[in-house]
Amino acid sequence: MSPCSRRTALAATAGTLAASATGLAQTAAPAPDSPAAPANTRTTIPGARNPEREAQNPDMLNPPSTDHGTLPNLRFSYADAHRRIEAGGWTREITTRELPISQSMAGVNMRLMAGGVREMHWHKEAEWACMLKGNARITAVGSDGSFFIDDVAEGDLWYFPSGIPHSIQGTGDDGCEFLLVFDNGGFSEDSTFMLTDWVKHVPKSVLAKNFGLPESAFDQLPKEHLYIFPAPPPLPMQQELPQGVARMATGLSHRMLAQAPDVRGSGGSVRITDSSNFPASKTIAAALVELEPGAIRELHWHPNGDEWQYYITGQGRMGVVGPEEHARTFDFRAGDVGYVPFAMGHYIENTGTDTLRFLEIFKSDRYADISLAQWIATTPPTLVQAHLNLPEGALQRLPKPKSPVIKR
């Protein structure tokens, strides 16, 4: 099924998904020996403790009985990442250094003050971004000399292909904060190619020949690279468009929040953005998931790559199951990053009182998932029954349409 027809089908069945709830629903119960339950000698910690940290990760302190084996750590918080503070803003990153399992993708959280500029630069990796707060102006130039420029706001995305030079500048009264995702887990912001780094290592005589200017024009070049620095705010966009230059044929930005949800139901919504509706994004696909309190992102897995997550608001838990009965549960809050290795089954549950919003991000040109419930519902029932031994009639009550978000 094509992405467009798949999304049409998902949206059309969202109401059916909510209406198909049956007596199969179960009431969630606290994990055995959870912090809310009476402690016993087996689980008490008489030595040094960090209660505040433990409260943020209850399923690490007292794992549910379904956890088993030794899955690696699949969580890291930006609150634990080093923050590099510069004159025009700050940046912090989560790479394989912080989250070793994250081999396919790395993330950078960046803040630019009003007028603050992320120095003109490029890198070997492609850059996917989501604006979290505020406003910015982004620019890029293609190998054919075509230009791109846009003003982006909260919920907007951009994608700069590998090797394409670009810039980002905070605008408005308070600048911006955004998330960057790179299609290489070992990427670091410190390894980018920057304009001032290059020109300061080229003789003035060569610069003069290259640009057709006198050598004296380069007497005041910065002695150090600028990286993130304050600058005058940009002019209105129409005044900054280059003259006599073609605009890029494929836009490098996308209004994700302007999309109608691909799935909407009582449990929340899902918006999917990949190369089918954001053609520039060739190596990164994403979904913005919103879960209402008590709702879950259904049991599923992804057949086309690892999943890198960023939690925007709320709190939740994720259970992941791998081969050889390895299973582990992780708790997440706003600002945390989660990771699911390729093809591992998992679910995400909103455990808070507010909407849980998070991004699912993949190193792929398309978004794809496989629903456990749909697989079971579309497999011959006698075969499924031989595996699961469900009560009589239970299989017939399972809906065949995919149900990405569920609230019973």
Protein backbone atom coordinates (compact mmCIF):
# COMPACT_ATOMS: atom_id res chain seq x y z
CA MET A 1 0.00 0.00 0.00
CA SER A 2 1.37 3.44 -0.84
CA PRO A 3 2.03 5.91 2.02
CA CYS A 4 -0.86 8.12 0.88
CA SER A 5 -3.39 5.29 0.67
CA ARG A 6 -2.09 3.92 3.97
CA ARG A 7 -2.66 7.24 5.68
CA THR A 8 -6.12 7.63 4.16
CA ALA A 9 -7.05 4.21 5.49
CA LEU A 10 -5.67 5.00 8.93
CA ALA A 11 -7.55 8.27 9.18
CA ALA A 12 -10.77 6.70 7.93
CA THR A 13 -10.64 3.94 10.54
CA ALA A 14 -9.65 6.07 13.53
CA GLY A 15 -13.25 6.32 14.75
CA THR A 16 -13.70 2.58 14.33
CA LEU A 17 -10.61 1.95 16.42
CA ALA A 18 -12.01 3.88 19.36
CA ALA A 19 -15.44 2.25 19.04
CA SER A 20 -14.10 -1.31 18.89
CA ALA A 21 -13.04 -1.44 22.56
CA THR A 22 -14.29 -4.61 24.23
CA GLY A 23 -14.14 -6.49 27.49
CA LEU A 24 -10.51 -7.32 26.74
CA ALA A 25 -9.41 -4.06 28.43
CA GLN A 26 -7.47 -4.42 31.64
CA THR A 27 -6.93 -1.98 34.48
CA ALA A 28 -3.31 -0.96 34.94
CA ALA A 29 -1.85 -1.95 38.30
CA PRO A 30 1.27 -0.69 40.06
CA ALA A 31 4.37 -2.78 39.50
CA PRO A 32 5.23 -5.15 42.34
CA ASP A 33 7.31 -3.41 45.00
CA SER A 34 6.79 -0.04 43.28
CA PRO A 35 7.59 3.11 45.31
CA ALA A 36 3.86 3.41 46.02
CA ALA A 37 3.71 -0.13 47.45
CA PRO A 38 4.95 -1.17 50.92
CA ALA A 39 8.65 -1.93 50.85
CA ASN A 40 10.00 -5.29 51.86
CA THR A 41 13.45 -6.49 52.86
CA ARG A 42 14.16 -7.87 49.39
CA THR A 43 13.78 -4.51 47.65
CA THR A 44 14.82 -1.92 50.24
CA ILE A 45 17.97 0.15 49.67
CA PRO A 46 19.55 0.87 53.05
CA GLY A 47 22.60 2.61 51.59
CA ALA A 48 23.11 5.83 49.64
CA ARG A 49 20.12 6.93 47.56
CA ASN A 50 18.90 9.67 45.25
CA PRO A 51 15.13 9.72 45.87
CA GLU A 52 14.42 12.48 43.37
CA ARG A 53 16.16 10.56 40.58
CA GLU A 54 14.50 7.31 41.62
CA ALA A 55 11.07 8.96 41.46
CA GLN A 56 11.71 9.94 37.85
CA ASN A 57 12.53 6.34 36.91
CA PRO A 58 10.22 4.08 38.96
CA ASP A 59 10.44 1.23 36.45
CA MET A 60 14.21 1.22 36.77
CA LEU A 61 14.10 1.16 40.58
CA ASN A 62 11.44 -1.56 40.75
CA PRO A 63 11.17 -3.23 37.34
CA PRO A 64 7.82 -4.80 36.47
CA SER A 65 7.74 -8.59 36.62
CA THR A 66 7.62 -8.70 32.81
CA ASP A 67 11.18 -7.33 32.55
CA HIS A 68 13.85 -9.96 31.92
CA GLY A 69 17.45 -10.23 30.78
CA THR A 70 19.96 -7.56 29.91
CA LEU A 71 18.78 -5.14 27.23
CA PRO A 72 21.18 -2.18 27.05
CA ASN A 73 20.24 1.27 28.23
CA LEU A 74 17.72 2.82 25.80
CA ARG A 75 17.31 6.21 27.49
CA PHE A 76 19.34 9.36 28.01
CA SER A 77 18.17 12.79 29.12
CA TYR A 78 19.31 16.11 27.75
CA ALA A 79 19.25 17.22 31.39
CA ASP A 80 22.32 15.00 31.83
CA ALA A 81 24.08 16.26 28.69
CA HIS A 82 26.86 18.84 28.75
CA ARG A 83 25.58 22.28 27.67
CA ARG A 84 28.00 24.39 25.64
CA ILE A 85 27.13 28.05 26.26
CA GLU A 86 28.19 30.60 23.64
CA ALA A 87 27.64 34.33 23.17
CA GLY A 88 24.58 33.80 20.97
CA GLY A 89 22.97 30.79 22.66
CA TRP A 90 23.78 27.23 23.68
CA THR A 91 23.90 23.66 22.43
CA ARG A 92 23.96 20.13 23.88
CA GLU A 93 24.12 16.78 22.14
CA ILE A 94 23.39 13.08 22.60
CA THR A 95 25.62 10.85 20.47
CA THR A 96 27.04 7.35 20.83
CA ARG A 97 29.24 8.85 23.55
CA GLU A 98 26.17 9.41 25.76
CA LEU A 99 23.90 6.65 24.40
CA PRO A 100 26.12 3.90 22.92
CA ILE A 101 23.20 1.92 21.45
CA SER A 102 22.30 4.88 19.20
CA GLN A 103 24.50 3.95 16.27
CA SER A 104 22.30 5.21 13.43
CA MET A 105 21.29 8.67 14.69
CA ALA A 106 22.51 11.47 16.96
CA GLY A 107 20.64 14.47 18.32
CA VAL A 108 21.46 18.08 19.14
CA ASN A 109 19.28 20.43 21.21
CA MET A 110 20.11 24.06 20.41
CA ARG A 111 18.99 27.50 21.59
CA LEU A 112 19.62 30.74 19.68
CA MET A 113 18.87 34.10 21.25
CA ALA A 114 17.10 36.76 19.18
CA GLY A 115 19.61 37.53 16.43
CA GLY A 116 21.81 34.61 17.50
CA VAL A 117 23.40 32.79 14.56
CA ARG A 118 24.55 29.21 14.17
CA GLU A 119 27.58 30.04 12.06
CA MET A 120 27.41 29.33 8.31
CA HIS A 121 28.56 25.72 7.99
CA TRP A 122 28.05 22.29 6.45
CA HIS A 123 28.68 18.69 7.46
CA LYS A 124 28.96 15.20 6.05
CA GLU A 125 25.70 14.08 7.63
CA ALA A 126 22.19 15.15 6.64
CA GLU A 127 20.43 17.40 9.16
CA TRP A 128 16.75 17.01 10.10
CA ALA A 129 15.26 19.52 12.51
CA CYS A 130 12.07 20.30 14.42
CA MET A 131 11.42 23.77 15.83
CA LEU A 132 10.42 23.39 19.49
CA LYS A 133 9.90 27.03 20.48
CA GLY A 134 10.18 30.45 18.86
CA ASN A 135 11.18 31.51 15.38
CA ALA A 136 14.20 31.33 13.11
CA ARG A 137 15.36 32.11 9.60
CA ILE A 138 17.13 29.33 7.73
CA THR A 139 19.15 29.57 4.51
CA ALA A 140 20.96 27.15 2.21
CA VAL A 141 22.68 27.03 -1.18
CA GLY A 142 22.63 24.06 -3.57
CA SER A 143 25.45 22.69 -5.70
CA ASP A 144 23.81 24.31 -8.75
CA GLY A 145 23.90 27.74 -7.09
CA SER A 146 20.17 27.79 -6.30
CA PHE A 147 19.14 29.31 -2.97
CA PHE A 148 16.73 28.46 -0.19
CA ILE A 149 15.42 30.77 2.53
CA ASP A 150 12.50 30.46 4.93
CA ASP A 151 11.18 31.67 8.26
CA VAL A 152 10.23 28.74 10.50
CA ALA A 153 8.17 28.55 13.68
CA GLU A 154 7.13 26.03 16.33
CA GLY A 155 6.24 22.68 14.80
CA ASP A 156 8.05 23.34 11.52
CA LEU A 157 10.71 21.00 10.15
CA TRP A 158 13.74 21.47 7.93
CA TYR A 159 16.15 19.13 6.20
CA PHE A 160 19.61 20.01 4.89
CA PRO A 161 21.14 17.24 2.74
CA SER A 162 24.70 16.20 3.50
CA GLY A 163 27.32 18.62 2.23
CA ILE A 164 24.85 21.50 1.64
CA PRO A 165 25.96 24.79 3.30
CA HIS A 166 23.36 26.42 5.52
CA SER A 167 22.70 28.79 8.41
CA ILE A 168 20.17 29.29 11.22
CA GLN A 169 19.38 32.59 12.96
CA GLY A 170 17.00 33.18 15.87
CA THR A 171 14.36 35.82 15.16
CA GLY A 172 11.47 37.43 17.02
CA ASP A 173 11.64 38.68 20.59
CA ASP A 174 13.14 35.57 22.17
CA GLY A 175 14.90 33.64 19.43
CA CYS A 176 14.27 29.90 19.29
CA GLU A 177 15.00 26.40 20.52
CA PHE A 178 15.08 23.39 18.20
CA LEU A 179 16.01 19.74 17.90
CA LEU A 180 18.48 18.53 15.27
CA VAL A 181 18.78 14.87 14.27
CA PHE A 182 21.68 13.55 12.17
CA ASP A 183 21.79 10.26 10.27
CA ASN A 184 24.96 9.06 12.02
CA GLY A 185 25.11 8.18 15.71
CA GLY A 186 28.73 9.29 15.95
CA PHE A 187 28.04 12.80 14.68
CA SER A 188 29.14 15.72 16.84
CA GLU A 189 28.40 19.42 16.46
CA ASP A 190 32.10 20.02 17.06
CA SER A 191 33.01 18.27 13.80
CA THR A 192 31.22 20.57 11.34
CA PHE A 193 32.93 22.59 8.60
CA MET A 194 32.59 26.28 9.46
CA LEU A 195 33.13 29.39 7.35
CA THR A 196 35.49 31.20 9.71
CA ASP A 197 37.55 28.04 10.31
CA TRP A 198 38.25 27.83 6.60
CA VAL A 199 39.08 31.43 5.74
CA LYS A 200 41.44 31.92 8.69
CA HIS A 201 43.58 29.05 7.39
CA VAL A 202 43.87 30.42 3.84
CA PRO A 203 46.60 32.97 2.95
CA LYS A 204 45.27 36.48 2.33
CA SER A 205 46.84 36.44 -1.12
CA VAL A 206 44.73 33.41 -2.05
CA LEU A 207 41.58 34.93 -0.54
CA ALA A 208 42.18 38.09 -2.57
CA LYS A 209 42.55 36.11 -5.80
CA ASN A 210 39.50 33.98 -5.02
CA PHE A 211 37.12 36.85 -4.23
CA GLY A 212 38.60 39.56 -6.45
CA LEU A 213 39.21 41.87 -3.50
CA PRO A 214 42.35 43.54 -2.13
CA GLU A 215 44.22 41.69 0.60
CA SER A 216 43.40 44.50 3.00
CA ALA A 217 39.73 43.52 2.82
CA PHE A 218 40.60 40.52 4.98
CA ASP A 219 42.52 42.32 7.73
CA GLN A 220 39.65 42.13 10.22
CA LEU A 221 38.67 38.48 9.87
CA PRO A 222 37.79 36.82 13.21
CA LYS A 223 40.75 35.18 14.88
CA GLU A 224 38.53 32.34 16.17
CA HIS A 225 35.50 30.60 14.72
CA LEU A 226 32.20 32.14 15.78
CA TYR A 227 30.04 29.00 16.16
CA ILE A 228 26.99 30.54 17.94
CA PHE A 229 27.22 34.31 18.11
CA PRO A 230 25.01 37.43 18.30
CA ALA A 231 24.34 39.35 15.09
CA PRO A 232 21.95 42.04 13.86
CA PRO A 233 18.45 40.66 13.23
CA PRO A 234 17.71 39.74 9.62
CA LEU A 235 15.83 42.11 7.33
CA PRO A 236 12.36 41.25 6.03
CA MET A 237 12.76 38.22 3.81
CA GLN A 238 11.90 39.98 0.55
CA GLN A 239 14.83 42.34 1.11
CA GLU A 240 17.25 39.45 1.58
CA LEU A 241 16.40 37.37 -1.47
CA PRO A 242 19.45 37.10 -3.77
CA GLN A 243 18.94 38.71 -7.15
CA GLY A 244 19.43 36.83 -10.39
CA VAL A 245 19.60 33.44 -8.64
CA ALA A 246 17.09 30.61 -8.94
CA ARG A 247 15.22 29.31 -5.91
CA MET A 248 15.69 25.61 -5.08
CA ALA A 249 13.16 23.47 -6.89
CA THR A 250 12.56 21.34 -3.77
CA GLY A 251 11.84 23.19 -0.55
CA LEU A 252 13.89 22.28 2.53
CA SER A 253 11.19 23.09 5.13
CA HIS A 254 7.83 21.60 6.04
CA ARG A 255 4.91 22.67 8.29
CA MET A 256 4.36 19.49 10.28
CA LEU A 257 1.67 20.90 12.58
CA ALA A 258 -0.29 22.10 9.53
CA GLN A 259 -0.73 18.46 8.49
CA ALA A 260 -4.03 16.81 9.31
CA PRO A 261 -3.28 13.87 11.64
CA ASP A 262 -2.90 10.55 9.84
CA VAL A 263 -4.58 8.98 12.87
CA ARG A 264 -6.99 10.67 15.27
CA GLY A 265 -8.94 8.92 18.01
CA SER A 266 -9.93 9.11 21.65
CA GLY A 267 -6.41 8.06 22.61
CA GLY A 268 -4.60 10.78 20.67
CA SER A 269 -3.18 11.37 17.21
CA VAL A 270 -0.24 10.63 14.91
CA ARG A 271 1.22 12.88 12.19
CA ILE A 272 3.64 11.20 9.78
CA THR A 273 6.22 13.14 7.76
CA ASP A 274 8.52 11.36 5.34
CA SER A 275 9.61 11.73 1.73
CA SER A 276 6.04 11.19 0.52
CA ASN A 277 4.93 14.59 1.87
CA PHE A 278 8.35 16.21 2.54
CA PRO A 279 10.30 15.24 -0.60
CA ALA A 280 13.59 16.81 0.52
CA SER A 281 13.86 14.49 3.53
CA LYS A 282 15.61 11.55 1.90
CA THR A 283 17.26 9.93 4.93
CA ILE A 284 14.98 10.84 7.86
CA ALA A 285 11.32 9.94 8.42
CA ALA A 286 9.36 11.00 11.50
CA ALA A 287 6.05 10.83 13.31
CA LEU A 288 4.68 13.24 15.92
CA VAL A 289 2.64 11.20 18.42
CA GLU A 290 0.22 12.65 20.98
CA LEU A 291 -1.15 10.33 23.67
CA GLU A 292 -3.87 11.32 26.12
CA PRO A 293 -3.55 10.25 29.78
CA GLY A 294 -3.88 6.48 30.04
CA ALA A 295 -3.53 5.93 26.29
CA ILE A 296 -0.87 3.77 24.67
CA ARG A 297 1.07 3.69 21.43
CA GLU A 298 0.10 0.17 20.49
CA LEU A 299 2.37 -2.87 20.62
CA HIS A 300 4.33 -2.66 17.36
CA TRP A 301 7.72 -2.71 15.69
CA HIS A 302 9.41 -1.03 12.74
CA PRO A 303 10.69 -3.06 9.78
CA ASN A 304 12.97 -0.41 8.31
CA GLY A 305 15.35 0.78 11.00
CA ASP A 306 16.08 1.83 14.57
CA GLU A 307 13.78 4.35 16.27
CA TRP A 308 15.19 7.51 17.91
CA GLN A 309 12.71 9.33 20.14
CA TYR A 310 12.46 12.80 21.62
CA TYR A 311 9.92 13.51 24.37
CA ILE A 312 8.43 17.01 24.15
CA THR A 313 5.79 17.15 26.91
CA GLY A 314 4.31 14.85 29.54
CA GLN A 315 5.61 11.62 30.97
CA GLY A 316 5.37 7.99 29.97
CA ARG A 317 6.89 4.54 30.03
CA MET A 318 8.18 2.34 27.24
CA GLY A 319 8.44 -1.43 27.33
CA VAL A 320 10.82 -3.04 24.82
CA VAL A 321 11.15 -6.77 24.07
CA GLY A 322 14.02 -8.24 22.09
CA PRO A 323 15.06 -11.78 21.16
CA GLU A 324 16.02 -14.37 23.76
CA GLU A 325 13.40 -13.01 26.18
CA HIS A 326 15.29 -9.80 26.87
CA ALA A 327 12.78 -7.17 28.04
CA ARG A 328 13.12 -3.86 29.84
CA THR A 329 10.95 -0.90 30.84
CA PHE A 330 12.04 2.75 30.78
CA ASP A 331 10.43 5.95 32.08
CA PHE A 332 10.51 9.22 30.12
CA ARG A 333 9.84 12.89 30.72
CA ALA A 334 10.09 16.02 28.60
CA GLY A 335 13.63 16.46 27.26
CA ASP A 336 14.48 12.76 27.30
CA VAL A 337 15.70 10.71 24.35
CA GLY A 338 14.64 7.10 23.83
CA TYR A 339 15.94 4.48 21.44
CA VAL A 340 14.53 1.22 20.09
CA PRO A 341 16.93 -1.06 18.17
CA PHE A 342 15.82 -2.32 14.78
CA ALA A 343 12.71 -4.55 14.75
CA MET A 344 12.33 -4.81 18.54
CA GLY A 345 8.73 -4.90 19.75
CA HIS A 346 7.65 -2.07 22.02
CA TYR A 347 4.83 0.08 23.35
CA ILE A 348 4.63 3.53 24.95
CA GLU A 349 2.09 4.43 27.63
CA ASN A 350 1.12 7.86 28.97
CA THR A 351 1.59 7.55 32.73
CA GLY A 352 0.96 11.22 33.54
CA THR A 353 -2.01 13.57 33.77
CA ASP A 354 -1.17 15.67 30.69
CA THR A 355 -0.82 14.89 27.00
CA LEU A 356 2.35 12.96 26.17
CA ARG A 357 3.92 14.33 22.98
CA PHE A 358 6.98 12.77 21.40
CA LEU A 359 8.74 12.32 18.07
CA GLU A 360 9.54 8.97 16.51
CA ILE A 361 12.47 9.40 14.11
CA PHE A 362 14.00 6.91 11.67
CA LYS A 363 16.99 6.79 9.35
CA SER A 364 14.84 6.09 6.32
CA ASP A 365 13.01 7.87 3.51
CA ARG A 366 9.70 6.36 4.62
CA TYR A 367 7.78 5.67 7.80
CA ALA A 368 6.66 2.08 8.44
CA ASP A 369 5.39 0.07 11.38
CA ILE A 370 3.82 -3.32 11.97
CA SER A 371 0.97 -3.71 14.46
CA LEU A 372 1.01 -6.79 16.70
CA ALA A 373 -2.81 -6.73 16.98
CA GLN A 374 -3.25 -6.43 13.23
CA TRP A 375 -0.82 -9.29 12.60
CA ILE A 376 -2.74 -11.52 15.00
CA ALA A 377 -6.14 -10.45 13.64
CA THR A 378 -5.19 -11.22 10.03
CA THR A 379 -3.50 -14.60 10.69
CA PRO A 380 -5.62 -17.80 10.57
CA PRO A 381 -7.30 -17.98 14.00
CA THR A 382 -6.57 -21.65 14.57
CA LEU A 383 -2.87 -20.93 14.23
CA VAL A 384 -3.03 -17.94 16.59
CA GLN A 385 -5.10 -19.89 19.11
CA ALA A 386 -2.49 -22.64 19.15
CA HIS A 387 0.03 -20.00 20.23
CA LEU A 388 -1.96 -17.87 22.71
CA ASN A 389 -4.82 -20.01 24.05
CA LEU A 390 -7.14 -17.01 24.35
CA PRO A 391 -10.69 -17.22 25.72
CA GLU A 392 -13.37 -18.35 23.28
CA GLY A 393 -14.43 -15.53 20.96
CA ALA A 394 -11.54 -13.22 21.85
CA LEU A 395 -9.87 -13.44 18.43
CA GLN A 396 -13.11 -12.57 16.64
CA ARG A 397 -13.33 -9.32 18.61
CA LEU A 398 -9.91 -8.08 17.51
CA PRO A 399 -10.19 -5.29 14.89
CA LYS A 400 -8.27 -5.84 11.67
CA PRO A 401 -7.49 -2.15 10.98
CA LYS A 402 -4.28 -0.88 12.56
CA SER A 403 -4.84 1.06 15.81
CA PRO A 404 -1.68 3.13 16.44
CA VAL A 405 -3.08 4.93 19.52
CA ILE A 406 -5.44 3.23 21.93
CA LYS A 407 -7.42 4.30 24.98
CA ARG A 408 -9.87 1.77 26.43
